[in-house]
Structures are given as C-alpha cells and as structure tokens.
C-alpha cells in the first residue's frame, strides 16, 4: 500500500468536496468543517494506512444501521428481522415516507430511516444501548467510541420527520415497542463518535467474515456478515447505491456525518470521513477517494486478478 497514493487521492478529493455542504438540518452536524477529508485502510496483517483527517471524531449516523442490522440478525434471527422490513433498494431518499405510506406495508430495507427505526424497535426489548455501545467498540476496534451528547440532543431536538416516519410505522403495526423508545435507541446509535480509522476496523472485521484478524475472536456469524454485506452493496449509499456499485464495486455504507464504511472482501476495510455531502447525503470527497482507490488497487468485486489477504 503506497501512502503517496492515499495522500494524492485525498488532495484531489478535497478540491471536489468544495462543491458540497454539511448536513445543516441537524444543527450540530452543520457546524462541522466541511473541508475535512480523511481515509484509513486496515489490512488483515495488522497494518493501517492513513491520510488526511483520519483520526478526527465525527458521528457515525446512518453507518450505525449496519451495526443494528447485524445485532438484530444475531439476536432475533433472519426471519424475525426481515418479517417487517424488506431487502430491496428504495429508489427514494433515506428519509422518504412516500412508498411506506402509499405503496408498501413495510420499509424497503434496513439502510433507510424507516427500516432502521423498525430494526431499532426490534432491539429495544433485546439489548440495552450500553451493550450496543460496547459491541460497536469491539466491531470498530476502538474503545474510545462514546455517545456524542451534543449531536444526540441536537438530533432529538430536530426529529420531526423521523417522528412522522415512526408514527406511520406504528399505525401499520410494524413497531414492536413504543415510538419514543424506538427513536431514542435509533438516535443514540446515530450519535456515536467514530473516526475513519474506527470504520476501517469495522470494515476489516466484515472483510474477514466476522472475525477480528488481530485477536482471532469471532464477533459475527458468517451468514450474518454475508447478509449485511449484500444489503450494503445494494442499499448502502442511499438512492445512489446502484451507480456507486457500478463505479466502485465495494459494499459500503454512508452516513450524513460524512462517514463511509467500505468492505473489500478478504482484503481490507476502508474508512472515510468527509462531511461535505452531495444531494443524496453521501460524502463527495469520500466517493472520489473510493472511486480512485478502486481503480488503482482493483478493489471492485468483479475485478480480475485480485489478491487475497
């Protein structure tokens, strides 16, 4: 891995990031410096390569949906997890409720807000936030992850749209617990502070079939990892998932905090931080970095002659 390559793509990405803006609909996120951009790559032999703002703390936001889905599958099983949540791309923005209201009984997938709130409702009776936090630290190999109180309160104070989604879910009999409890866990998980390096660690665990390659500890069952990575590939970049899959070809999940979690199977985990977003809510600089790395390092899942870990 050439660190010069990482430095080059980050510098390119910072120029492109000027075209976007931060997620101002959550005031605390809107205050983030949009010029930040960092990348971290972790490989199975214990090496980590960083460039830019890879150690700056930001909130995980929608990338927490990957953690929640994995925990739901582990604790509730496949059938119950997907009993009231679909597995198909929505084609709509992450906070849309149009299809949920007019054309569908259930959320399209667990990577949009409606699906994630339904998953959170599954989890409320199964596991405490404290245990979810502890497990997130293990998945990300980062004991410094904690709840960002400022972002949590900022998000809870501007939650009208997610409340509307949650009450619509309740009216359809989808929520297993109260709107308040379901939303609280959902927002708590979105408000966890991570770094690009944290996300790279999580990506590496997923790339290694749910095993921490450093300690040898299995954290997730193989079938759970397979399910999660597939949903990430098809639904993880909001309504830009199809284009991203063609151009980058790596299972990924974005968040409006500017993070992107990417999994290069049997090779590496990649974490990105770039809070300047496009209209779909994905990091502009982060997408550029991943496009360039995918081309240079043959990361696309259908690329030829790809070495394993």
Protein backbone atom coordinates (compact mmCIF):
# COMPACT_ATOMS: atom_id res chain seq x y z
CA UNK A 1 0.00 0.00 0.00
CA UNK A 2 1.56 3.28 -1.07
CA UNK A 3 0.79 6.11 1.31
CA UNK A 4 1.61 8.53 -1.50
CA UNK A 5 -1.44 7.19 -3.34
CA UNK A 6 -3.67 7.90 -0.36
CA UNK A 7 -2.27 11.41 0.00
CA UNK A 8 -2.84 12.07 -3.68
CA UNK A 9 -6.47 10.92 -3.77
CA UNK A 10 -7.25 12.83 -0.56
CA UNK A 11 -5.85 16.05 -2.01
CA UNK A 12 -7.93 15.52 -5.15
CA UNK A 13 -10.99 14.75 -3.06
CA UNK A 14 -10.67 17.93 -1.03
CA UNK A 15 -10.95 20.01 -4.20
CA UNK A 16 -14.14 18.22 -5.24
CA UNK A 17 -15.59 18.39 -1.71
CA UNK A 18 -15.86 22.17 -2.08
CA UNK A 19 -18.97 21.53 -4.20
CA UNK A 20 -20.99 20.07 -1.33
CA UNK A 21 -22.27 21.11 2.06
CA UNK A 22 -22.69 19.69 5.54
CA UNK A 23 -25.95 18.25 6.90
CA UNK A 24 -27.39 21.50 8.22
CA UNK A 25 -30.81 20.02 9.02
CA UNK A 26 -29.14 18.70 12.17
CA UNK A 27 -27.60 21.93 13.52
CA UNK A 28 -24.66 20.29 15.30
CA UNK A 29 -23.64 18.45 12.11
CA UNK A 30 -23.90 21.69 10.15
CA UNK A 31 -21.15 23.19 12.31
CA UNK A 32 -18.58 20.62 11.16
CA UNK A 33 -15.74 21.96 8.98
CA UNK A 34 -16.67 20.74 5.51
CA UNK A 35 -13.02 20.84 4.39
CA UNK A 36 -12.16 17.77 6.46
CA UNK A 37 -11.29 14.66 4.45
CA UNK A 38 -9.51 11.56 5.68
CA UNK A 39 -9.10 7.90 4.77
CA UNK A 40 -7.85 4.84 6.61
CA UNK A 41 -7.20 1.38 5.20
CA UNK A 42 -6.72 -1.63 7.51
CA UNK A 43 -5.44 -4.93 6.17
CA UNK A 44 -5.58 -8.39 7.69
CA UNK A 45 -1.90 -8.46 8.63
CA UNK A 46 -2.46 -5.67 11.14
CA UNK A 47 -1.28 -2.76 9.03
CA UNK A 48 -3.20 0.50 8.85
CA UNK A 49 -2.54 3.26 6.33
CA UNK A 50 -3.91 6.76 6.89
CA UNK A 51 -4.05 10.08 5.12
CA UNK A 52 -5.72 13.38 5.90
CA UNK A 53 -8.19 13.72 8.75
CA UNK A 54 -8.49 10.01 9.54
CA UNK A 55 -8.39 10.49 13.31
CA UNK A 56 -10.93 13.32 13.60
CA UNK A 57 -14.01 12.32 15.62
CA UNK A 58 -17.44 12.62 14.00
CA UNK A 59 -20.78 10.89 14.49
CA UNK A 60 -21.45 7.60 12.77
CA UNK A 61 -25.05 8.49 11.79
CA UNK A 62 -26.53 6.01 9.27
CA UNK A 63 -23.50 3.73 9.32
CA UNK A 64 -24.85 2.61 12.70
CA UNK A 65 -27.61 0.91 10.71
CA UNK A 66 -25.06 -1.75 9.77
CA UNK A 67 -24.32 -2.42 13.45
CA UNK A 68 -28.01 -2.53 14.35
CA UNK A 69 -28.84 -4.86 11.48
CA UNK A 70 -26.00 -7.22 12.44
CA UNK A 71 -27.08 -7.29 16.09
CA UNK A 72 -30.72 -7.83 15.12
CA UNK A 73 -29.75 -10.78 12.92
CA UNK A 74 -27.62 -12.26 15.68
CA UNK A 75 -30.23 -11.89 18.41
CA UNK A 76 -33.54 -12.08 16.56
CA UNK A 77 -32.67 -14.32 13.62
CA UNK A 78 -33.21 -13.80 9.90
CA UNK A 79 -36.96 -14.41 9.74
CA UNK A 80 -37.91 -12.07 12.57
CA UNK A 81 -35.51 -9.34 11.46
CA UNK A 82 -36.94 -9.25 7.95
CA UNK A 83 -40.51 -10.05 8.96
CA UNK A 84 -41.50 -6.39 8.71
CA UNK A 85 -38.56 -4.89 6.81
CA UNK A 86 -37.72 -5.59 3.16
CA UNK A 87 -34.43 -6.17 1.38
CA UNK A 88 -34.90 -4.11 -1.79
CA UNK A 89 -33.41 -0.72 -2.77
CA UNK A 90 -35.96 2.03 -2.22
CA UNK A 91 -35.02 4.36 -5.08
CA UNK A 92 -36.00 7.25 -2.79
CA UNK A 93 -34.16 9.48 -0.33
CA UNK A 94 -33.20 7.95 3.00
CA UNK A 95 -35.87 9.86 4.93
CA UNK A 96 -38.72 9.40 2.46
CA UNK A 97 -42.04 8.02 3.66
CA UNK A 98 -43.94 8.14 0.34
CA UNK A 99 -43.69 4.45 -0.57
CA UNK A 100 -44.17 3.42 3.03
CA UNK A 101 -47.42 5.35 3.13
CA UNK A 102 -48.83 4.82 -0.37
CA UNK A 103 -47.42 1.69 -1.97
CA UNK A 104 -45.84 -0.54 0.67
CA UNK A 105 -46.77 -2.03 4.01
CA UNK A 106 -43.14 -2.30 5.16
CA UNK A 107 -39.91 -0.28 4.84
CA UNK A 108 -37.95 -1.20 1.72
CA UNK A 109 -34.71 -2.08 3.53
CA UNK A 110 -32.84 -1.60 6.85
CA UNK A 111 -30.50 1.08 5.45
CA UNK A 112 -33.15 3.80 5.14
CA UNK A 113 -34.57 5.60 8.17
CA UNK A 114 -37.91 3.79 8.25
CA UNK A 115 -36.23 0.39 8.09
CA UNK A 116 -33.63 1.32 10.69
CA UNK A 117 -36.28 2.63 13.10
CA UNK A 118 -38.14 -0.67 12.69
CA UNK A 119 -34.91 -2.56 13.42
CA UNK A 120 -34.30 -0.37 16.47
CA UNK A 121 -37.78 -1.26 17.69
CA UNK A 122 -36.82 -4.95 17.43
CA UNK A 123 -33.74 -4.30 19.53
CA UNK A 124 -35.26 -2.24 22.34
CA UNK A 125 -36.50 -5.38 24.12
CA UNK A 126 -33.40 -7.39 23.27
CA UNK A 127 -30.39 -5.30 24.23
CA UNK A 128 -29.56 -2.09 26.08
CA UNK A 129 -27.85 0.89 24.50
CA UNK A 130 -24.86 0.29 26.78
CA UNK A 131 -24.41 -3.21 25.31
CA UNK A 132 -24.84 -1.87 21.79
CA UNK A 133 -22.13 0.70 22.52
CA UNK A 134 -19.80 -1.95 23.92
CA UNK A 135 -20.30 -4.17 20.89
CA UNK A 136 -19.77 -1.27 18.48
CA UNK A 137 -16.42 -0.62 20.16
CA UNK A 138 -15.42 -4.24 19.55
CA UNK A 139 -16.54 -4.22 15.92
CA UNK A 140 -14.62 -1.00 15.26
CA UNK A 141 -11.61 -1.97 17.41
CA UNK A 142 -11.98 1.42 19.11
CA UNK A 143 -12.54 1.68 22.86
CA UNK A 144 -12.84 5.49 22.63
CA UNK A 145 -16.22 5.42 20.90
CA UNK A 146 -18.85 7.14 23.03
CA UNK A 147 -22.16 8.96 22.74
CA UNK A 148 -21.73 12.49 21.42
CA UNK A 149 -24.15 14.28 23.71
CA UNK A 150 -24.24 17.49 21.68
CA UNK A 151 -25.18 15.70 18.47
CA UNK A 152 -27.65 13.45 20.29
CA UNK A 153 -29.54 16.40 21.77
CA UNK A 154 -29.33 18.37 18.53
CA UNK A 155 -30.81 15.45 16.62
CA UNK A 156 -33.51 14.78 19.21
CA UNK A 157 -34.46 18.45 19.02
CA UNK A 158 -34.92 18.29 15.25
CA UNK A 159 -36.58 14.90 14.87
CA UNK A 160 -39.96 15.81 13.39
CA UNK A 161 -39.52 13.87 10.16
CA UNK A 162 -38.30 10.72 11.87
CA UNK A 163 -41.18 11.04 14.33
CA UNK A 164 -43.56 11.16 11.38
CA UNK A 165 -41.94 8.02 9.97
CA UNK A 166 -42.08 6.27 13.36
CA UNK A 167 -45.75 7.10 13.93
CA UNK A 168 -46.57 5.87 10.42
CA UNK A 169 -44.74 2.63 11.24
CA UNK A 170 -46.71 2.37 14.47
CA UNK A 171 -50.00 2.90 12.61
CA UNK A 172 -49.13 -0.03 10.35
CA UNK A 173 -48.32 -2.30 13.30
CA UNK A 174 -44.64 -2.54 12.40
CA UNK A 175 -43.05 -1.26 15.61
CA UNK A 176 -42.58 -3.81 18.41
CA UNK A 177 -42.01 -1.11 21.03
CA UNK A 178 -43.10 2.49 21.57
CA UNK A 179 -42.28 5.28 19.16
CA UNK A 180 -40.31 7.08 21.88
CA UNK A 181 -38.16 4.09 22.86
CA UNK A 182 -37.54 3.08 19.25
CA UNK A 183 -36.49 6.59 18.22
CA UNK A 184 -34.31 7.06 21.28
CA UNK A 185 -32.23 3.97 20.54
CA UNK A 186 -32.08 4.86 16.86
CA UNK A 187 -30.76 8.38 17.58
CA UNK A 188 -28.37 7.16 20.28
CA UNK A 189 -26.77 4.78 17.78
CA UNK A 190 -26.54 7.53 15.15
CA UNK A 191 -24.79 9.78 17.68
CA UNK A 192 -21.79 7.55 18.40
CA UNK A 193 -18.45 9.26 17.83
CA UNK A 194 -16.08 7.41 15.50
CA UNK A 195 -13.14 8.11 13.19
CA UNK A 196 -12.24 6.95 9.70
CA UNK A 197 -9.87 4.53 11.44
CA UNK A 198 -12.76 3.13 13.52
CA UNK A 199 -14.74 2.46 10.35
CA UNK A 200 -11.74 0.82 8.69
CA UNK A 201 -11.50 -1.54 11.66
CA UNK A 202 -15.18 -2.45 11.34
CA UNK A 203 -14.73 -2.94 7.61
CA UNK A 204 -11.83 -5.29 8.24
CA UNK A 205 -13.93 -7.44 10.60
CA UNK A 206 -16.59 -7.72 7.88
CA UNK A 207 -13.91 -8.44 5.25
CA UNK A 208 -12.63 -11.28 7.45
CA UNK A 209 -16.03 -12.97 7.74
CA UNK A 210 -16.88 -11.51 11.13
CA UNK A 211 -13.57 -12.36 12.81
CA UNK A 212 -11.16 -9.85 14.32
CA UNK A 213 -7.99 -10.92 12.47
CA UNK A 214 -5.74 -9.47 15.17
CA UNK A 215 -7.24 -11.35 18.12
CA UNK A 216 -8.90 -14.23 16.27
CA UNK A 217 -12.21 -13.56 18.06
CA UNK A 218 -15.36 -14.24 16.08
CA UNK A 219 -17.76 -11.33 16.54
CA UNK A 220 -20.43 -12.17 13.95
CA UNK A 221 -21.65 -15.39 12.34
CA UNK A 222 -20.72 -15.92 8.68
CA UNK A 223 -24.33 -15.85 7.49
CA UNK A 224 -24.88 -12.53 9.27
CA UNK A 225 -21.82 -11.00 7.60
CA UNK A 226 -22.95 -12.28 4.20
CA UNK A 227 -26.40 -10.75 4.67
CA UNK A 228 -25.06 -7.43 5.92
CA UNK A 229 -22.53 -7.03 3.09
CA UNK A 230 -25.16 -7.81 0.47
CA UNK A 231 -27.56 -5.20 1.86
CA UNK A 232 -24.69 -2.70 1.99
CA UNK A 233 -23.89 -3.28 -1.68
CA UNK A 234 -27.47 -2.88 -2.88
CA UNK A 235 -28.77 -0.24 -0.43
CA UNK A 236 -25.86 1.27 1.50
CA UNK A 237 -25.35 4.51 -0.45
CA UNK A 238 -28.97 5.66 -0.28
CA UNK A 239 -30.54 6.23 -3.71
CA UNK A 240 -27.06 6.43 -5.23
CA UNK A 241 -26.32 2.77 -4.44
CA UNK A 242 -26.60 1.41 -7.99
CA UNK A 243 -24.27 3.95 -9.56
CA UNK A 244 -21.79 3.52 -6.71
CA UNK A 245 -21.86 -0.28 -7.09
CA UNK A 246 -21.03 0.03 -10.79
CA UNK A 247 -18.28 2.62 -10.36
CA UNK A 248 -16.67 1.37 -7.13
CA UNK A 249 -17.98 -2.18 -6.69
CA UNK A 250 -17.34 -2.39 -2.95
CA UNK A 251 -20.05 -2.97 -0.29
CA UNK A 252 -20.31 0.36 1.51
CA UNK A 253 -22.49 2.34 3.88
CA UNK A 254 -22.56 6.10 4.16
CA UNK A 255 -23.78 8.48 6.85
CA UNK A 256 -24.70 12.17 6.79
CA UNK A 257 -21.95 12.82 9.33
CA UNK A 258 -19.59 12.33 6.37
CA UNK A 259 -18.50 8.77 7.03
CA UNK A 260 -18.29 5.88 4.59
CA UNK A 261 -17.63 2.30 5.68
CA UNK A 262 -16.32 0.03 2.89
CA UNK A 263 -15.55 -3.69 2.83
CA UNK A 264 -13.11 -5.24 0.35
CA UNK A 265 -13.78 -8.92 0.90
CA UNK A 266 -10.79 -10.95 2.14
CA UNK A 267 -8.52 -7.94 1.67
CA UNK A 268 -9.22 -4.81 3.73
CA UNK A 269 -11.57 -2.45 5.48
CA UNK A 270 -11.74 1.20 4.44
CA UNK A 271 -12.99 4.11 6.50
CA UNK A 272 -13.67 7.57 5.10
CA UNK A 273 -14.50 10.90 6.73
CA UNK A 274 -15.60 13.82 4.59
CA UNK A 275 -18.59 15.86 5.85
CA UNK A 276 -19.17 17.73 2.58
CA UNK A 277 -22.19 15.90 1.12
CA UNK A 278 -23.92 15.62 -2.23
CA UNK A 279 -27.70 15.96 -2.61
CA UNK A 280 -28.21 12.29 -1.76
CA UNK A 281 -26.40 12.63 1.58
CA UNK A 282 -23.15 10.90 0.59
CA UNK A 283 -19.66 12.31 1.13
CA UNK A 284 -18.49 13.93 -2.10
CA UNK A 285 -14.77 13.71 -1.33
CA UNK A 286 -15.19 10.23 0.12
CA UNK A 287 -16.81 8.90 -3.02
CA UNK A 288 -13.99 10.35 -5.12
CA UNK A 289 -11.38 8.71 -2.90
CA UNK A 290 -13.11 5.33 -3.17
CA UNK A 291 -13.51 5.59 -6.95
CA UNK A 292 -9.80 6.28 -7.38
CA UNK A 293 -8.69 3.58 -4.92
CA UNK A 294 -10.99 1.03 -6.54
CA UNK A 295 -9.48 1.72 -9.96
CA UNK A 296 -5.85 1.85 -8.80
CA UNK A 297 -5.95 -1.14 -6.42
CA UNK A 298 -8.52 -3.27 -8.29
CA UNK A 299 -10.96 -3.25 -5.40
CA UNK A 300 -14.11 -3.78 -7.48
CA UNK A 301 -15.68 -7.09 -6.51
CA UNK A 302 -15.71 -8.14 -10.18
CA UNK A 303 -12.13 -7.08 -10.92
CA UNK A 304 -9.75 -9.73 -12.25
CA UNK A 305 -6.56 -10.97 -10.58
CA UNK A 306 -7.35 -9.69 -7.10
CA UNK A 307 -5.02 -10.96 -4.34
CA UNK A 308 -6.47 -12.21 -1.05
CA UNK A 309 -5.35 -11.23 2.46
